[in-house]
């Protein structure tokens, strides 16, 4: 569907704190939000409904692996760059 294609392309361009609002006829189905957007509760205003979604937080980077010679994960000074 055309709206799904637009939302799919839009999600890649959004800032981290973005909110997307789609107004549709209340008789229409809710939009299919793509990965990266989390739907809020829709609000109905007569014959129109506002569907909102917020940008979901990006996946956190995995923590660095613990060095067997240390008792803790490496801190910034102990991290080494791959060669």
N, C-alpha and C. Protein backbone atom coordinates (compact mmCIF):
# COMPACT_ATOMS: atom_id res chain seq x y z
N UNK A 1 0.84 -1.18 0.00
CA UNK A 1 0.00 0.00 0.00
C UNK A 1 0.88 1.24 0.00
N UNK A 2 0.38 2.32 -0.57
CA UNK A 2 1.17 3.53 -0.78
C UNK A 2 1.63 4.16 0.53
N UNK A 3 0.76 4.22 1.53
CA UNK A 3 1.14 4.80 2.82
C UNK A 3 2.27 4.01 3.47
N UNK A 4 2.20 2.70 3.41
CA UNK A 4 3.26 1.86 4.00
C UNK A 4 4.60 2.15 3.34
N UNK A 5 4.60 2.34 2.02
CA UNK A 5 5.84 2.65 1.31
C UNK A 5 6.40 4.00 1.74
N UNK A 6 5.52 4.99 1.91
CA UNK A 6 5.96 6.32 2.35
C UNK A 6 6.54 6.24 3.77
N UNK A 7 5.86 5.55 4.67
CA UNK A 7 6.35 5.43 6.05
C UNK A 7 7.67 4.69 6.10
N UNK A 8 7.82 3.68 5.27
CA UNK A 8 9.07 2.91 5.21
C UNK A 8 10.23 3.81 4.83
N UNK A 9 10.04 4.65 3.83
CA UNK A 9 11.09 5.56 3.41
C UNK A 9 11.33 6.67 4.41
N UNK A 10 10.29 7.11 5.07
CA UNK A 10 10.37 8.20 6.03
C UNK A 10 11.17 7.82 7.28
N UNK A 11 11.00 6.61 7.75
CA UNK A 11 11.62 6.21 9.02
C UNK A 11 13.14 6.35 8.98
N UNK A 12 13.74 6.20 7.81
CA UNK A 12 15.21 6.31 7.69
C UNK A 12 15.69 7.75 7.80
N UNK A 13 14.79 8.71 7.62
CA UNK A 13 15.17 10.12 7.62
C UNK A 13 14.85 10.85 8.92
N UNK A 14 14.22 10.17 9.86
CA UNK A 14 13.73 10.84 11.07
C UNK A 14 14.82 11.03 12.12
N UNK A 15 14.71 12.12 12.85
CA UNK A 15 15.57 12.36 14.01
C UNK A 15 15.19 11.39 15.13
N UNK A 16 16.06 11.22 16.09
CA UNK A 16 15.85 10.26 17.17
C UNK A 16 14.62 10.52 18.02
N UNK A 17 14.18 11.78 18.12
CA UNK A 17 13.02 12.10 18.96
C UNK A 17 11.78 12.43 18.13
N UNK A 18 11.77 12.00 16.87
CA UNK A 18 10.68 12.35 15.95
C UNK A 18 9.38 11.65 16.31
N UNK A 19 8.29 12.31 15.96
CA UNK A 19 6.96 11.73 16.07
C UNK A 19 6.28 11.89 14.71
N UNK A 20 5.62 10.83 14.26
CA UNK A 20 4.91 10.84 12.98
C UNK A 20 3.42 10.80 13.27
N UNK A 21 2.65 11.64 12.59
CA UNK A 21 1.20 11.68 12.76
C UNK A 21 0.55 11.44 11.40
N UNK A 22 -0.36 10.48 11.36
CA UNK A 22 -1.11 10.17 10.15
C UNK A 22 -2.58 10.36 10.45
N UNK A 23 -3.26 11.19 9.65
CA UNK A 23 -4.70 11.38 9.81
C UNK A 23 -5.40 10.52 8.77
N UNK A 24 -6.35 9.72 9.23
CA UNK A 24 -7.12 8.86 8.33
C UNK A 24 -8.58 8.92 8.72
N UNK A 25 -9.44 8.54 7.80
CA UNK A 25 -10.85 8.40 8.12
C UNK A 25 -10.99 7.33 9.20
N UNK A 26 -11.87 7.56 10.16
CA UNK A 26 -12.05 6.60 11.26
C UNK A 26 -12.45 5.22 10.75
N UNK A 27 -13.10 5.16 9.59
CA UNK A 27 -13.50 3.87 9.03
C UNK A 27 -12.33 3.14 8.36
N UNK A 28 -11.21 3.83 8.15
CA UNK A 28 -10.03 3.23 7.51
C UNK A 28 -9.23 2.44 8.54
N UNK A 29 -8.48 1.44 8.08
CA UNK A 29 -7.64 0.70 9.02
C UNK A 29 -6.47 1.56 9.51
N UNK A 30 -5.93 1.20 10.64
CA UNK A 30 -4.76 1.89 11.18
C UNK A 30 -3.57 1.65 10.25
N UNK A 31 -2.64 2.59 10.18
CA UNK A 31 -1.47 2.37 9.33
C UNK A 31 -0.61 1.22 9.86
N UNK A 32 0.11 0.58 8.97
CA UNK A 32 1.08 -0.44 9.36
C UNK A 32 2.41 0.29 9.56
N UNK A 33 2.82 0.40 10.81
CA UNK A 33 4.05 1.13 11.12
C UNK A 33 5.24 0.24 10.82
N UNK A 34 6.26 0.77 10.15
CA UNK A 34 7.44 -0.03 9.86
C UNK A 34 8.32 -0.19 11.10
N UNK A 35 9.27 -1.09 11.01
CA UNK A 35 10.26 -1.24 12.09
C UNK A 35 10.93 0.11 12.28
N UNK A 36 11.15 0.48 13.52
CA UNK A 36 11.74 1.77 13.83
C UNK A 36 10.74 2.79 14.34
N UNK A 37 9.45 2.48 14.22
CA UNK A 37 8.40 3.34 14.75
C UNK A 37 7.52 2.54 15.70
N UNK A 38 7.20 3.14 16.83
CA UNK A 38 6.36 2.49 17.84
C UNK A 38 5.07 3.29 17.96
N UNK A 39 3.95 2.63 17.73
CA UNK A 39 2.65 3.29 17.72
C UNK A 39 2.21 3.73 19.11
N UNK A 40 1.54 4.88 19.15
CA UNK A 40 0.87 5.37 20.35
C UNK A 40 -0.61 5.06 20.20
N UNK A 41 -1.38 5.36 21.23
CA UNK A 41 -2.82 5.14 21.17
C UNK A 41 -3.43 6.15 20.20
N UNK A 42 -4.22 5.70 19.21
CA UNK A 42 -4.82 6.65 18.27
C UNK A 42 -5.90 7.49 18.95
N UNK A 43 -6.13 8.68 18.40
CA UNK A 43 -7.17 9.58 18.92
C UNK A 43 -8.21 9.81 17.85
N UNK A 44 -9.46 9.56 18.19
CA UNK A 44 -10.54 9.72 17.23
C UNK A 44 -11.21 11.08 17.44
N UNK A 45 -11.42 11.79 16.34
CA UNK A 45 -12.09 13.08 16.34
C UNK A 45 -13.19 13.01 15.28
N UNK A 46 -14.36 12.55 15.66
CA UNK A 46 -15.47 12.44 14.71
C UNK A 46 -15.16 11.43 13.63
N UNK A 47 -15.15 11.89 12.39
CA UNK A 47 -14.92 10.97 11.27
C UNK A 47 -13.44 10.79 10.95
N UNK A 48 -12.55 11.45 11.72
CA UNK A 48 -11.11 11.32 11.50
C UNK A 48 -10.43 10.72 12.73
N UNK A 49 -9.36 10.01 12.49
CA UNK A 49 -8.56 9.47 13.58
C UNK A 49 -7.11 9.86 13.33
N UNK A 50 -6.44 10.33 14.39
CA UNK A 50 -5.01 10.63 14.32
C UNK A 50 -4.25 9.44 14.87
N UNK A 51 -3.37 8.90 14.05
CA UNK A 51 -2.51 7.78 14.44
C UNK A 51 -1.11 8.36 14.61
N UNK A 52 -0.51 8.09 15.77
CA UNK A 52 0.81 8.65 16.07
C UNK A 52 1.79 7.52 16.34
N UNK A 53 3.04 7.77 16.01
CA UNK A 53 4.11 6.82 16.31
C UNK A 53 5.38 7.61 16.59
N UNK A 54 6.17 7.09 17.49
CA UNK A 54 7.46 7.71 17.83
C UNK A 54 8.59 6.84 17.31
N UNK A 55 9.66 7.49 17.01
CA UNK A 55 10.87 6.78 16.60
C UNK A 55 11.33 5.92 17.78
N UNK A 56 11.58 4.65 17.53
CA UNK A 56 12.06 3.78 18.60
C UNK A 56 13.56 4.00 18.78
N UNK A 57 14.03 3.75 19.98
CA UNK A 57 15.45 3.92 20.26
C UNK A 57 16.26 2.94 19.44
N UNK A 58 17.39 3.37 18.90
CA UNK A 58 18.23 2.43 18.17
C UNK A 58 18.78 1.37 19.11
N UNK A 59 19.07 0.22 18.58
CA UNK A 59 19.62 -0.86 19.39
C UNK A 59 20.93 -0.42 20.00
N UNK A 60 21.11 -0.72 21.25
CA UNK A 60 22.34 -0.35 21.94
C UNK A 60 23.50 -1.19 21.42
N UNK A 61 24.66 -0.57 21.40
CA UNK A 61 25.84 -1.32 20.98
C UNK A 61 26.18 -2.33 22.07
N UNK A 62 26.63 -3.52 21.67
CA UNK A 62 26.97 -4.51 22.69
C UNK A 62 28.16 -4.04 23.53
N UNK A 63 28.16 -4.43 24.78
CA UNK A 63 29.27 -4.08 25.67
C UNK A 63 30.52 -4.81 25.21
N UNK A 64 31.69 -4.19 25.41
CA UNK A 64 32.92 -4.88 25.01
C UNK A 64 33.11 -6.15 25.83
N UNK A 65 33.72 -7.12 25.22
CA UNK A 65 33.97 -8.39 25.91
C UNK A 65 35.00 -8.18 27.02
N UNK A 66 34.83 -8.91 28.09
CA UNK A 66 35.77 -8.82 29.21
C UNK A 66 37.10 -9.45 28.81
N UNK A 67 38.16 -8.81 29.21
CA UNK A 67 39.51 -9.34 28.96
C UNK A 67 39.79 -10.38 30.03
N UNK A 68 40.19 -11.60 29.66
CA UNK A 68 40.44 -12.63 30.67
C UNK A 68 41.51 -12.23 31.67
N UNK A 69 42.39 -11.28 31.32
CA UNK A 69 43.44 -10.86 32.25
C UNK A 69 42.93 -9.79 33.22
N UNK A 70 41.75 -9.27 32.97
CA UNK A 70 41.17 -8.25 33.84
C UNK A 70 39.94 -8.83 34.53
N UNK A 71 39.55 -8.25 35.65
CA UNK A 71 38.34 -8.69 36.34
C UNK A 71 37.11 -7.93 35.88
N UNK A 72 37.24 -7.04 34.92
CA UNK A 72 36.12 -6.19 34.49
C UNK A 72 36.23 -5.93 32.99
N UNK A 73 35.13 -5.50 32.37
CA UNK A 73 35.22 -5.14 30.95
C UNK A 73 36.20 -3.98 30.78
N UNK A 74 36.87 -3.88 29.66
CA UNK A 74 37.85 -2.81 29.48
C UNK A 74 37.19 -1.44 29.51
N UNK A 75 37.84 -0.49 30.18
CA UNK A 75 37.39 0.90 30.19
C UNK A 75 37.93 1.59 28.96
N UNK A 76 37.60 2.88 28.77
CA UNK A 76 38.04 3.59 27.57
C UNK A 76 39.56 3.57 27.39
N UNK A 77 40.32 3.70 28.46
CA UNK A 77 41.79 3.71 28.34
C UNK A 77 42.33 2.32 28.03
N UNK A 78 41.58 1.26 28.34
CA UNK A 78 42.05 -0.10 28.15
C UNK A 78 41.61 -0.70 26.82
N UNK A 79 40.71 -0.03 26.12
CA UNK A 79 40.21 -0.57 24.87
C UNK A 79 41.27 -0.40 23.79
N UNK A 80 41.37 -1.38 22.93
CA UNK A 80 42.33 -1.30 21.83
C UNK A 80 41.57 -1.34 20.52
N UNK A 81 42.12 -0.66 19.54
CA UNK A 81 41.53 -0.66 18.21
C UNK A 81 42.01 -1.89 17.45
N UNK A 82 41.15 -2.50 16.62
CA UNK A 82 41.58 -3.62 15.81
C UNK A 82 42.63 -3.17 14.81
N UNK A 83 43.59 -4.02 14.52
CA UNK A 83 44.65 -3.64 13.56
C UNK A 83 44.46 -4.34 12.26
